[in-house]
Amino acid sequence: MDKVTSFGKNFTASFTPFAARTQQYVKEQLGQAEDKTQLPPDYIELEKRVDALKQVHQKMLQVTNQYSSEAYDYPANIKESFGDLSRTVSEKVQLLASATTPAEAQAALTAPPSAKPQPKTFPHAIARASLASSHLLQQQHAGAGEDPLATALEKYALASERVGEARLAQDAQIQSRFLAGWSTTLNTNLIFATRARKSVENSRLLLDAAKTKSKAGGWHMPGQQNQGHQDEEIASEEARVEIEQAEDEFVGQTEEAVGVMKNVLDTPEPLRNLADLIAAQLEFHRKAYEILSELAPVVDGLQVEQEVKRSQDFS
């Protein structure tokens, strides 16, 4: 029986605040609440800043999460076979170099995979298309020396594959140093701030409910009458204590929420993560620039040689 009584007291203790908050919330929504405790202007400003920070994280992650998908720049209109993705361009070039017959050259392009299928990125797709095109030209140019365009396409294939690998390295850096950090801020720090603000709202509702209850002379069962002046004094004292306790709780929750929100807003992690994102992008573009800078004069040289040879043939 004692356990049942204890359970009843605990249930009442937990249910009463919930009922009071709910009743106060409904009154406010219906416009029936006379007074509503106002939050400090500085607190409201912090809330706005936290909301803005949350929106920034959601918007940026919505776009930059593409770095988690290997094929975010892979052309949707191309169809590559299992053989196309079987080996790296570098491996195929080596196999082609050692081929002595057209059959061996063709086998080199369709050799069984040495590891996992090759990446589906735009630079890798360009590399595979360039190598296949180079091979097609060489097949038709057999016995007539090297085809300058075929040579250039092969070199372009090798360079594009290196660019593709640099892009994958960039993506890995962004995933670990930017996406992970911003996701943590969104899913952990900002959630802590949301919970702290919810506690403030709950304590504010309880405070206003206590004030409303005091003005109404307490909550009575239907037909219940006040039992004289002494009972009114007791009720008034109980209401005063209840309001003071609710005010203390409200102030405490507000101070705690202010600390949590300031911590979220002042942390340097998001800016540090953004710097890492930019550094990863910069490193990728630097490598791509270096790779293509090495390739460009080689292809230009092949072009000049072809033009000189063409002019000599016509002279």
C-alpha atoms as a PDB file:
ATOM      1  CA  MET A   1       0.000   0.000   0.000  1.00  0.00           C
ATOM      2  CA  ASP A   2       2.883   2.350   0.803  1.00  0.00           C
ATOM      3  CA  LYS A   3       4.307   1.734  -2.665  1.00  0.00           C
ATOM      4  CA  VAL A   4       0.979   2.617  -4.249  1.00  0.00           C
ATOM      5  CA  THR A   5       0.778   5.803  -2.187  1.00  0.00           C
ATOM      6  CA  SER A   6       4.361   6.720  -3.106  1.00  0.00           C
ATOM      7  CA  PHE A   7       3.656   6.129  -6.772  1.00  0.00           C
ATOM      8  CA  GLY A   8       0.576   8.319  -6.551  1.00  0.00           C
ATOM      9  CA  LYS A   9       2.534  11.171  -4.991  1.00  0.00           C
ATOM     10  CA  ASN A  10       5.312  10.914  -7.599  1.00  0.00           C
ATOM     11  CA  PHE A  11       2.800  10.807 -10.426  1.00  0.00           C
ATOM     12  CA  THR A  12       0.964  13.832  -9.049  1.00  0.00           C
ATOM     13  CA  ALA A  13       4.237  15.722  -8.586  1.00  0.00           C
ATOM     14  CA  SER A  14       5.270  15.101 -12.184  1.00  0.00           C
ATOM     15  CA  PHE A  15       1.827  15.507 -13.693  1.00  0.00           C
ATOM     16  CA  THR A  16       0.906  18.772 -11.989  1.00  0.00           C
ATOM     17  CA  PRO A  17       3.766  20.853 -13.549  1.00  0.00           C
ATOM     18  CA  PHE A  18       3.008  19.319 -16.935  1.00  0.00           C
ATOM     19  CA  ALA A  19      -0.671  20.122 -16.598  1.00  0.00           C
ATOM     20  CA  ALA A  20       0.109  23.664 -15.444  1.00  0.00           C
ATOM     21  CA  ARG A  21       2.485  24.267 -18.364  1.00  0.00           C
ATOM     22  CA  THR A  22       0.008  22.828 -20.829  1.00  0.00           C
ATOM     23  CA  GLN A  23      -2.873  24.895 -19.498  1.00  0.00           C
ATOM     24  CA  GLN A  24      -0.791  28.076 -19.601  1.00  0.00           C
ATOM     25  CA  TYR A  25       0.435  27.296 -23.130  1.00  0.00           C
ATOM     26  CA  VAL A  26      -3.126  26.749 -24.373  1.00  0.00           C
ATOM     27  CA  LYS A  27      -4.263  30.028 -22.811  1.00  0.00           C
ATOM     28  CA  GLU A  28      -1.450  31.908 -24.502  1.00  0.00           C
ATOM     29  CA  GLN A  29      -2.212  30.336 -27.856  1.00  0.00           C
ATOM     30  CA  LEU A  30      -5.870  31.301 -27.502  1.00  0.00           C
ATOM     31  CA  GLY A  31      -4.972  34.807 -26.384  1.00  0.00           C
ATOM     32  CA  GLN A  32      -6.547  34.283 -22.971  1.00  0.00           C
ATOM     33  CA  ALA A  33      -3.415  34.834 -20.881  1.00  0.00           C
ATOM     34  CA  GLU A  34      -3.373  38.200 -19.159  1.00  0.00           C
ATOM     35  CA  ASP A  35       0.363  38.433 -18.575  1.00  0.00           C
ATOM     36  CA  LYS A  36       3.352  36.745 -20.118  1.00  0.00           C
ATOM     37  CA  THR A  37       6.774  36.974 -18.552  1.00  0.00           C
ATOM     38  CA  GLN A  38       9.109  38.592 -21.066  1.00  0.00           C
ATOM     39  CA  LEU A  39      12.569  37.226 -21.711  1.00  0.00           C
ATOM     40  CA  PRO A  40      15.511  39.647 -21.492  1.00  0.00           C
ATOM     41  CA  PRO A  41      16.370  41.399 -24.800  1.00  0.00           C
ATOM     42  CA  ASP A  42      19.928  40.015 -24.666  1.00  0.00           C
ATOM     43  CA  TYR A  43      18.540  36.503 -24.348  1.00  0.00           C
ATOM     44  CA  ILE A  44      16.227  36.988 -27.331  1.00  0.00           C
ATOM     45  CA  GLU A  45      19.175  38.304 -29.354  1.00  0.00           C
ATOM     46  CA  LEU A  46      21.169  35.181 -28.485  1.00  0.00           C
ATOM     47  CA  GLU A  47      18.257  33.018 -29.628  1.00  0.00           C
ATOM     48  CA  LYS A  48      18.167  34.800 -32.987  1.00  0.00           C
ATOM     49  CA  ARG A  49      21.904  34.337 -33.454  1.00  0.00           C
ATOM     50  CA  VAL A  50      21.689  30.634 -32.578  1.00  0.00           C
ATOM     51  CA  ASP A  51      18.793  30.167 -35.011  1.00  0.00           C
ATOM     52  CA  ALA A  52      20.825  31.874 -37.736  1.00  0.00           C
ATOM     53  CA  LEU A  53      23.827  29.665 -36.999  1.00  0.00           C
ATOM     54  CA  LYS A  54      21.642  26.566 -37.239  1.00  0.00           C
ATOM     55  CA  GLN A  55      20.248  27.671 -40.606  1.00  0.00           C
ATOM     56  CA  VAL A  56      23.785  28.322 -41.868  1.00  0.00           C
ATOM     57  CA  HIS A  57      24.894  24.815 -40.899  1.00  0.00           C
ATOM     58  CA  GLN A  58      21.841  23.229 -42.508  1.00  0.00           C
ATOM     59  CA  LYS A  59      22.224  25.207 -45.730  1.00  0.00           C
ATOM     60  CA  MET A  60      25.962  24.595 -46.106  1.00  0.00           C
ATOM     61  CA  LEU A  61      25.718  20.899 -45.259  1.00  0.00           C
ATOM     62  CA  GLN A  62      22.865  20.461 -47.726  1.00  0.00           C
ATOM     63  CA  VAL A  63      25.283  21.434 -50.507  1.00  0.00           C
ATOM     64  CA  THR A  64      28.671  20.244 -49.241  1.00  0.00           C
ATOM     65  CA  ASN A  65      27.366  16.789 -48.327  1.00  0.00           C
ATOM     66  CA  GLN A  66      27.869  16.096 -52.043  1.00  0.00           C
ATOM     67  CA  TYR A  67      31.533  15.586 -51.196  1.00  0.00           C
ATOM     68  CA  SER A  68      30.448  12.335 -49.527  1.00  0.00           C
ATOM     69  CA  SER A  69      29.223  11.000 -52.859  1.00  0.00           C
ATOM     70  CA  GLU A  70      32.042   9.833 -55.119  1.00  0.00           C
ATOM     71  CA  ALA A  71      30.012  10.291 -58.302  1.00  0.00           C
ATOM     72  CA  TYR A  72      28.765  13.842 -57.662  1.00  0.00           C
ATOM     73  CA  ASP A  73      30.346  15.065 -60.923  1.00  0.00           C
ATOM     74  CA  TYR A  74      30.066  11.821 -62.877  1.00  0.00           C
ATOM     75  CA  PRO A  75      28.227  12.387 -66.192  1.00  0.00           C
ATOM     76  CA  ALA A  76      24.744  10.892 -66.072  1.00  0.00           C
ATOM     77  CA  ASN A  77      24.585  10.384 -69.844  1.00  0.00           C
ATOM     78  CA  ILE A  78      27.522   8.001 -70.256  1.00  0.00           C
ATOM     79  CA  LYS A  79      27.442   4.218 -70.048  1.00  0.00           C
ATOM     80  CA  GLU A  80      30.623   2.493 -68.965  1.00  0.00           C
ATOM     81  CA  SER A  81      30.963  -1.269 -68.951  1.00  0.00           C
ATOM     82  CA  PHE A  82      32.543  -3.500 -66.336  1.00  0.00           C
ATOM     83  CA  GLY A  83      35.592  -3.701 -68.560  1.00  0.00           C
ATOM     84  CA  ASP A  84      35.867   0.062 -68.700  1.00  0.00           C
ATOM     85  CA  LEU A  85      36.039   0.173 -64.905  1.00  0.00           C
ATOM     86  CA  SER A  86      38.210  -2.892 -64.464  1.00  0.00           C
ATOM     87  CA  ARG A  87      41.663  -1.309 -64.167  1.00  0.00           C
ATOM     88  CA  THR A  88      43.242   2.092 -63.724  1.00  0.00           C
ATOM     89  CA  VAL A  89      44.254   4.061 -66.794  1.00  0.00           C
ATOM     90  CA  SER A  90      47.898   3.763 -65.696  1.00  0.00           C
ATOM     91  CA  GLU A  91      47.639  -0.020 -65.566  1.00  0.00           C
ATOM     92  CA  LYS A  92      45.998  -0.160 -68.981  1.00  0.00           C
ATOM     93  CA  VAL A  93      48.683   2.072 -70.498  1.00  0.00           C
ATOM     94  CA  GLN A  94      51.364  -0.275 -69.173  1.00  0.00           C
ATOM     95  CA  LEU A  95      49.542  -3.306 -70.573  1.00  0.00           C
ATOM     96  CA  LEU A  96      49.092  -1.575 -73.920  1.00  0.00           C
ATOM     97  CA  ALA A  97      52.781  -0.711 -74.033  1.00  0.00           C
ATOM     98  CA  SER A  98      53.697  -4.384 -73.658  1.00  0.00           C
ATOM     99  CA  ALA A  99      51.145  -5.625 -76.207  1.00  0.00           C
ATOM    100  CA  THR A 100      52.639  -6.899 -79.475  1.00  0.00           C
ATOM    101  CA  THR A 101      49.435  -7.676 -81.390  1.00  0.00           C
ATOM    102  CA  PRO A 102      46.047  -6.002 -81.835  1.00  0.00           C
ATOM    103  CA  ALA A 103      44.477  -8.860 -79.898  1.00  0.00           C
ATOM    104  CA  GLU A 104      46.805  -8.284 -76.943  1.00  0.00           C
ATOM    105  CA  ALA A 105      46.090  -4.565 -77.063  1.00  0.00           C
ATOM    106  CA  GLN A 106      42.363  -5.188 -76.984  1.00  0.00           C
ATOM    107  CA  ALA A 107      42.807  -7.640 -74.111  1.00  0.00           C
ATOM    108  CA  ALA A 108      44.747  -4.983 -72.218  1.00  0.00           C
ATOM    109  CA  LEU A 109      41.746  -2.657 -72.337  1.00  0.00           C
ATOM    110  CA  THR A 110      39.390  -5.360 -71.064  1.00  0.00           C
ATOM    111  CA  ALA A 111      41.738  -7.033 -68.580  1.00  0.00           C
ATOM    112  CA  PRO A 112      40.097  -8.443 -65.449  1.00  0.00           C
ATOM    113  CA  PRO A 113      40.115  -6.107 -62.463  1.00  0.00           C
ATOM    114  CA  SER A 114      43.167  -6.023 -60.218  1.00  0.00           C
ATOM    115  CA  ALA A 115      41.250  -4.364 -57.369  1.00  0.00           C
ATOM    116  CA  LYS A 116      37.904  -2.690 -56.808  1.00  0.00           C
ATOM    117  CA  PRO A 117      36.119  -1.013 -59.737  1.00  0.00           C
ATOM    118  CA  GLN A 118      37.596   2.319 -60.728  1.00  0.00           C
ATOM    119  CA  PRO A 119      36.126   5.565 -59.376  1.00  0.00           C
ATOM    120  CA  LYS A 120      33.167   7.160 -61.060  1.00  0.00           C
ATOM    121  CA  THR A 121      34.313  10.768 -61.144  1.00  0.00           C
ATOM    122  CA  PHE A 122      34.324  13.186 -64.054  1.00  0.00           C
ATOM    123  CA  PRO A 123      38.156  13.301 -64.351  1.00  0.00           C
ATOM    124  CA  HIS A 124      38.342   9.499 -64.238  1.00  0.00           C
ATOM    125  CA  ALA A 125      35.611   9.251 -66.875  1.00  0.00           C
ATOM    126  CA  ILE A 126      37.563  11.673 -69.096  1.00  0.00           C
ATOM    127  CA  ALA A 127      40.695   9.588 -68.531  1.00  0.00           C
ATOM    128  CA  ARG A 128      38.980   6.350 -69.576  1.00  0.00           C
ATOM    129  CA  ALA A 129      37.347   7.973 -72.616  1.00  0.00           C
ATOM    130  CA  SER A 130      40.679   9.529 -73.673  1.00  0.00           C
ATOM    131  CA  LEU A 131      42.558   6.242 -73.393  1.00  0.00           C
ATOM    132  CA  ALA A 132      39.880   4.345 -75.337  1.00  0.00           C
ATOM    133  CA  SER A 133      39.941   7.044 -78.027  1.00  0.00           C
ATOM    134  CA  SER A 134      43.727   6.891 -78.212  1.00  0.00           C
ATOM    135  CA  HIS A 135      43.559   3.134 -78.698  1.00  0.00           C
ATOM    136  CA  LEU A 136      40.983   3.465 -81.491  1.00  0.00           C
ATOM    137  CA  LEU A 137      43.254   5.865 -83.372  1.00  0.00           C
ATOM    138  CA  GLN A 138      46.303   3.666 -82.883  1.00  0.00           C
ATOM    139  CA  GLN A 139      44.421   0.660 -84.237  1.00  0.00           C
ATOM    140  CA  GLN A 140      43.735   2.497 -87.481  1.00  0.00           C
ATOM    141  CA  HIS A 141      47.246   3.950 -87.598  1.00  0.00           C
ATOM    142  CA  ALA A 142      49.093   0.661 -87.270  1.00  0.00           C
ATOM    143  CA  GLY A 143      52.319   0.495 -89.275  1.00  0.00           C
ATOM    144  CA  ALA A 144      52.323   4.229 -90.002  1.00  0.00           C
ATOM    145  CA  GLY A 145      54.142   5.406 -86.906  1.00  0.00           C
ATOM    146  CA  GLU A 146      52.595   7.199 -83.992  1.00  0.00           C
ATOM    147  CA  ASP A 147      49.445   9.217 -84.397  1.00  0.00           C
ATOM    148  CA  PRO A 148      50.047  12.614 -82.687  1.00  0.00           C
ATOM    149  CA  LEU A 149      46.429  12.884 -81.525  1.00  0.00           C
ATOM    150  CA  ALA A 150      46.510   9.331 -80.160  1.00  0.00           C
ATOM    151  CA  THR A 151      49.706  10.137 -78.257  1.00  0.00           C
ATOM    152  CA  ALA A 152      48.224  13.345 -76.873  1.00  0.00           C
ATOM    153  CA  LEU A 153      45.027  11.592 -75.814  1.00  0.00           C
ATOM    154  CA  GLU A 154      46.996   8.929 -73.950  1.00  0.00           C
ATOM    155  CA  LYS A 155      48.980  11.565 -72.085  1.00  0.00           C
ATOM    156  CA  TYR A 156      45.764  13.448 -71.362  1.00  0.00           C
ATOM    157  CA  ALA A 157      44.233  10.222 -70.007  1.00  0.00           C
ATOM    158  CA  LEU A 158      47.102   9.753 -67.571  1.00  0.00           C
ATOM    159  CA  ALA A 159      46.912  13.372 -66.454  1.00  0.00           C
ATOM    160  CA  SER A 160      43.128  13.266 -66.014  1.00  0.00           C
ATOM    161  CA  GLU A 161      43.435  10.184 -63.840  1.00  0.00           C
ATOM    162  CA  ARG A 162      45.886  12.016 -61.605  1.00  0.00           C
ATOM    163  CA  VAL A 163      43.449  14.929 -61.387  1.00  0.00           C
ATOM    164  CA  GLY A 164      40.730  12.462 -60.431  1.00  0.00           C
ATOM    165  CA  GLU A 165      42.861  10.992 -57.658  1.00  0.00           C
ATOM    166  CA  ALA A 166      43.550  14.498 -56.377  1.00  0.00           C
ATOM    167  CA  ARG A 167      39.811  15.147 -56.336  1.00  0.00           C
ATOM    168  CA  LEU A 168      39.216  12.012 -54.271  1.00  0.00           C
ATOM    169  CA  ALA A 169      41.935  13.112 -51.831  1.00  0.00           C
ATOM    170  CA  GLN A 170      40.210  16.506 -51.558  1.00  0.00           C
ATOM    171  CA  ASP A 171      36.871  14.842 -50.837  1.00  0.00           C
ATOM    172  CA  ALA A 172      38.367  12.669 -48.100  1.00  0.00           C
ATOM    173  CA  GLN A 173      39.873  15.735 -46.427  1.00  0.00           C
ATOM    174  CA  ILE A 174      36.582  17.631 -46.630  1.00  0.00           C
ATOM    175  CA  GLN A 175      34.628  14.713 -45.196  1.00  0.00           C
ATOM    176  CA  SER A 176      36.906  14.323 -42.184  1.00  0.00           C
ATOM    177  CA  ARG A 177      37.771  17.961 -41.488  1.00  0.00           C
ATOM    178  CA  PHE A 178      34.677  19.903 -42.544  1.00  0.00           C
ATOM    179  CA  LEU A 179      31.580  17.723 -42.850  1.00  0.00           C
ATOM    180  CA  ALA A 180      32.292  15.828 -39.635  1.00  0.00           C
ATOM    181  CA  GLY A 181      32.878  19.037 -37.683  1.00  0.00           C
ATOM    182  CA  TRP A 182      29.837  20.911 -38.972  1.00  0.00           C
ATOM    183  CA  SER A 183      27.626  17.850 -38.505  1.00  0.00           C
ATOM    184  CA  THR A 184      28.792  17.598 -34.895  1.00  0.00           C
ATOM    185  CA  THR A 185      27.964  21.251 -34.284  1.00  0.00           C
ATOM    186  CA  LEU A 186      24.519  20.823 -35.849  1.00  0.00           C
ATOM    187  CA  ASN A 187      23.652  17.509 -34.205  1.00  0.00           C
ATOM    188  CA  THR A 188      25.260  18.060 -30.806  1.00  0.00           C
ATOM    189  CA  ASN A 189      26.083  21.635 -29.796  1.00  0.00           C
ATOM    190  CA  LEU A 190      23.026  23.234 -31.371  1.00  0.00           C
ATOM    191  CA  ILE A 191      20.792  20.498 -29.959  1.00  0.00           C
ATOM    192  CA  PHE A 192      22.138  21.268 -26.465  1.00  0.00           C
ATOM    193  CA  ALA A 193      21.205  24.893 -27.053  1.00  0.00           C
ATOM    194  CA  THR A 194      17.718  23.886 -28.204  1.00  0.00           C
ATOM    195  CA  ARG A 195      17.192  21.788 -25.088  1.00  0.00           C
ATOM    196  CA  ALA A 196      18.380  24.608 -22.839  1.00  0.00           C
ATOM    197  CA  ARG A 197      15.969  27.012 -24.525  1.00  0.00           C
ATOM    198  CA  LYS A 198      13.144  24.492 -24.118  1.00  0.00           C
ATOM    199  CA  SER A 199      13.873  24.321 -20.396  1.00  0.00           C
ATOM    200  CA  VAL A 200      13.645  28.109 -20.226  1.00  0.00           C
ATOM    201  CA  GLU A 201      10.283  28.044 -21.996  1.00  0.00           C
ATOM    202  CA  ASN A 202       8.973  25.344 -19.653  1.00  0.00           C
ATOM    203  CA  SER A 203      10.084  27.257 -16.566  1.00  0.00           C
ATOM    204  CA  ARG A 204       8.546  30.440 -17.964  1.00  0.00           C
ATOM    205  CA  LEU A 205       5.214  28.691 -18.491  1.00  0.00           C
ATOM    206  CA  LEU A 206       5.289  27.344 -14.935  1.00  0.00           C
ATOM    207  CA  LEU A 207       6.032  30.811 -13.569  1.00  0.00           C
ATOM    208  CA  ASP A 208       3.162  32.379 -15.472  1.00  0.00           C
ATOM    209  CA  ALA A 209       0.882  29.513 -14.481  1.00  0.00           C
ATOM    210  CA  ALA A 210       1.737  30.134 -10.821  1.00  0.00           C
ATOM    211  CA  LYS A 211       0.987  33.841 -11.229  1.00  0.00           C
ATOM    212  CA  THR A 212      -2.335  33.065 -12.920  1.00  0.00           C
ATOM    213  CA  LYS A 213      -3.214  30.605 -10.192  1.00  0.00           C
ATOM    214  CA  SER A 214      -2.436  33.193  -7.523  1.00  0.00           C
ATOM    215  CA  LYS A 215      -4.642  35.821  -9.146  1.00  0.00           C
ATOM    216  CA  ALA A 216      -7.489  33.318  -9.433  1.00  0.00           C
ATOM    217  CA  GLY A 217      -7.234  32.515  -5.743  1.00  0.00           C
ATOM    218  CA  GLY A 218      -5.873  29.022  -6.352  1.00  0.00           C
ATOM    219  CA  TRP A 219      -7.371  26.009  -8.053  1.00  0.00           C
ATOM    220  CA  HIS A 220     -10.506  24.610  -6.422  1.00  0.00           C
ATOM    221  CA  MET A 221     -12.722  21.639  -7.073  1.00  0.00           C
ATOM    222  CA  PRO A 222     -16.248  22.510  -8.218  1.00  0.00           C
ATOM    223  CA  GLY A 223     -18.356  23.527  -5.229  1.00  0.00           C
ATOM    224  CA  GLN A 224     -15.317  23.986  -2.967  1.00  0.00           C
ATOM    225  CA  GLN A 225     -15.482  27.145  -0.833  1.00  0.00           C
ATOM    226  CA  ASN A 226     -12.714  29.153   0.811  1.00  0.00           C
ATOM    227  CA  GLN A 227     -12.729  28.472   4.534  1.00  0.00           C
ATOM    228  CA  GLY A 228     -12.419  31.934   5.933  1.00  0.00           C
ATOM    229  CA  HIS A 229      -9.745  34.534   6.209  1.00  0.00           C
ATOM    230  CA  GLN A 230      -7.183  32.142   7.701  1.00  0.00           C
ATOM    231  CA  ASP A 231      -7.418  29.809   4.738  1.00  0.00           C
ATOM    232  CA  GLU A 232      -6.973  32.763   2.391  1.00  0.00           C
ATOM    233  CA  GLU A 233      -3.801  33.805   4.170  1.00  0.00           C
ATOM    234  CA  ILE A 234      -2.428  30.268   3.951  1.00  0.00           C
ATOM    235  CA  ALA A 235      -3.281  30.103   0.266  1.00  0.00           C
ATOM    236  CA  SER A 236      -1.707  33.502  -0.326  1.00  0.00           C
ATOM    237  CA  GLU A 237       1.504  32.442   1.409  1.00  0.00           C
ATOM    238  CA  GLU A 238       1.613  29.178  -0.547  1.00  0.00           C
ATOM    239  CA  ALA A 239       1.127  31.106  -3.802  1.00  0.00           C
ATOM    240  CA  ARG A 240       3.913  33.523  -2.896  1.00  0.00           C
ATOM    241  CA  VAL A 241       6.307  30.638  -2.175  1.00  0.00           C
ATOM    242  CA  GLU A 242       5.290  28.886  -5.378  1.00  0.00           C
ATOM    243  CA  ILE A 243       5.886  32.018  -7.441  1.00  0.00           C
ATOM    244  CA  GLU A 244       9.262  32.651  -5.823  1.00  0.00           C
ATOM    245  CA  GLN A 245      10.353  29.079  -6.493  1.00  0.00           C
ATOM    246  CA  ALA A 246       9.154  29.351 -10.094  1.00  0.00           C
ATOM    247  CA  GLU A 247      11.016  32.647 -10.501  1.00  0.00           C
ATOM    248  CA  ASP A 248      14.219  31.132  -9.141  1.00  0.00           C
ATOM    249  CA  GLU A 249      13.871  28.202 -11.526  1.00  0.00           C
ATOM    250  CA  PHE A 250      13.173  30.526 -14.448  1.00  0.00           C
ATOM    251  CA  VAL A 251      16.199  32.704 -13.677  1.00  0.00           C
ATOM    252  CA  GLY A 252      18.430  29.664 -13.233  1.00  0.00           C
ATOM    253  CA  GLN A 253      17.314  28.051 -16.494  1.00  0.00           C
ATOM    254  CA  THR A 254      17.744  31.349 -18.333  1.00  0.00           C
ATOM    255  CA  GLU A 255      21.283  31.830 -17.037  1.00  0.00           C
ATOM    256  CA  GLU A 256      22.182  28.266 -17.998  1.00  0.00           C
ATOM    257  CA  ALA A 257      20.724  28.680 -21.489  1.00  0.00           C
ATOM    258  CA  VAL A 258      22.645  31.928 -21.957  1.00  0.00           C
ATOM    259  CA  GLY A 259      25.871  30.116 -21.122  1.00  0.00           C
ATOM    260  CA  VAL A 260      25.086  27.252 -23.497  1.00  0.00           C
ATOM    261  CA  MET A 261      24.157  29.580 -26.371  1.00  0.00           C
ATOM    262  CA  LYS A 262      27.218  31.760 -25.880  1.00  0.00           C
ATOM    263  CA  ASN A 263      29.418  28.667 -25.924  1.00  0.00           C
ATOM    264  CA  VAL A 264      27.875  27.543 -29.220  1.00  0.00           C
ATOM    265  CA  LEU A 265      28.254  30.983 -30.777  1.00  0.00           C
ATOM    266  CA  ASP A 266      31.789  31.625 -29.531  1.00  0.00           C
ATOM    267  CA  THR A 267      33.373  28.290 -30.420  1.00  0.00           C
ATOM    268  CA  PRO A 268      35.988  28.647 -33.193  1.00  0.00           C
ATOM    269  CA  GLU A 269      35.341  25.150 -34.555  1.00  0.00           C
ATOM    270  CA  PRO A 270      32.993  26.108 -37.450  1.00  0.00           C
ATOM    271  CA  LEU A 271      35.467  28.710 -38.731  1.00  0.00           C
ATOM    272  CA  ARG A 272      38.355  26.281 -38.322  1.00  0.00           C
ATOM    273  CA  ASN A 273      36.386  23.637 -40.233  1.00  0.00           C
ATOM    274  CA  LEU A 274      35.645  26.143 -43.014  1.00  0.00           C
ATOM    275  CA  ALA A 275      39.347  26.952 -43.254  1.00  0.00           C
ATOM    276  CA  ASP A 276      40.012  23.212 -43.658  1.00  0.00           C
ATOM    277  CA  LEU A 277      37.424  23.034 -46.435  1.00  0.00           C
ATOM    278  CA  ILE A 278      39.104  25.880 -48.310  1.00  0.00           C
ATOM    279  CA  ALA A 279      42.546  24.359 -47.754  1.00  0.00           C
ATOM    280  CA  ALA A 280      41.391  21.030 -49.221  1.00  0.00           C
ATOM    281  CA  GLN A 281      39.895  22.758 -52.256  1.00  0.00           C
ATOM    282  CA  LEU A 282      43.018  24.866 -52.705  1.00  0.00           C
ATOM    283  CA  GLU A 283      45.262  21.796 -52.558  1.00  0.00           C
ATOM    284  CA  PHE A 284      43.129  20.033 -55.173  1.00  0.00           C
ATOM    285  CA  HIS A 285      43.154  22.972 -57.585  1.00  0.00           C
ATOM    286  CA  ARG A 286      46.893  23.453 -57.033  1.00  0.00           C
ATOM    287  CA  LYS A 287      47.575  19.816 -57.941  1.00  0.00           C
ATOM    288  CA  ALA A 288      45.226  19.968 -60.912  1.00  0.00           C
ATOM    289  CA  TYR A 289      46.994  23.127 -62.102  1.00  0.00           C
ATOM    290  CA  GLU A 290      50.419  21.504 -61.751  1.00  0.00           C
ATOM    291  CA  ILE A 291      49.320  18.339 -63.587  1.00  0.00           C
ATOM    292  CA  LEU A 292      47.751  20.218 -66.479  1.00  0.00           C
ATOM    293  CA  SER A 293      50.639  22.694 -66.598  1.00  0.00           C
ATOM    294  CA  GLU A 294      52.998  19.777 -67.192  1.00  0.00           C
ATOM    295  CA  LEU A 295      50.730  18.347 -69.872  1.00  0.00           C
ATOM    296  CA  ALA A 296      49.931  21.520 -71.822  1.00  0.00           C
ATOM    297  CA  PRO A 297      53.420  22.158 -73.300  1.00  0.00           C
ATOM    298  CA  VAL A 298      53.730  18.489 -74.273  1.00  0.00           C
ATOM    299  CA  VAL A 299      50.473  18.595 -76.237  1.00  0.00           C
ATOM    300  CA  ASP A 300      51.434  21.972 -77.693  1.00  0.00           C
ATOM    301  CA  GLY A 301      54.711  20.411 -78.854  1.00  0.00           C
ATOM    302  CA  LEU A 302      52.884  17.544 -80.539  1.00  0.00           C
ATOM    303  CA  GLN A 303      50.651  20.047 -82.272  1.00  0.00           C
ATOM    304  CA  VAL A 304      53.618  22.085 -83.545  1.00  0.00           C
ATOM    305  CA  GLU A 305      55.364  18.949 -84.776  1.00  0.00           C
ATOM    306  CA  GLN A 306      52.254  17.880 -86.664  1.00  0.00           C
ATOM    307  CA  GLU A 307      51.875  21.306 -88.286  1.00  0.00           C
ATOM    308  CA  VAL A 308      55.549  21.344 -89.318  1.00  0.00           C
ATOM    309  CA  LYS A 309      55.272  17.850 -90.784  1.00  0.00           C
ATOM    310  CA  ARG A 310      52.074  18.794 -92.603  1.00  0.00           C
ATOM    311  CA  SER A 311      53.660  21.884 -94.117  1.00  0.00           C
ATOM    312  CA  GLN A 312      56.685  19.834 -95.209  1.00  0.00           C
ATOM    313  CA  ASP A 313      54.442  17.263 -96.861  1.00  0.00           C
ATOM    314  CA  PHE A 314      52.783  19.997 -98.919  1.00  0.00           C
ATOM    315  CA  SER A 315      56.019  21.796 -99.846  1.00  0.00           C
END
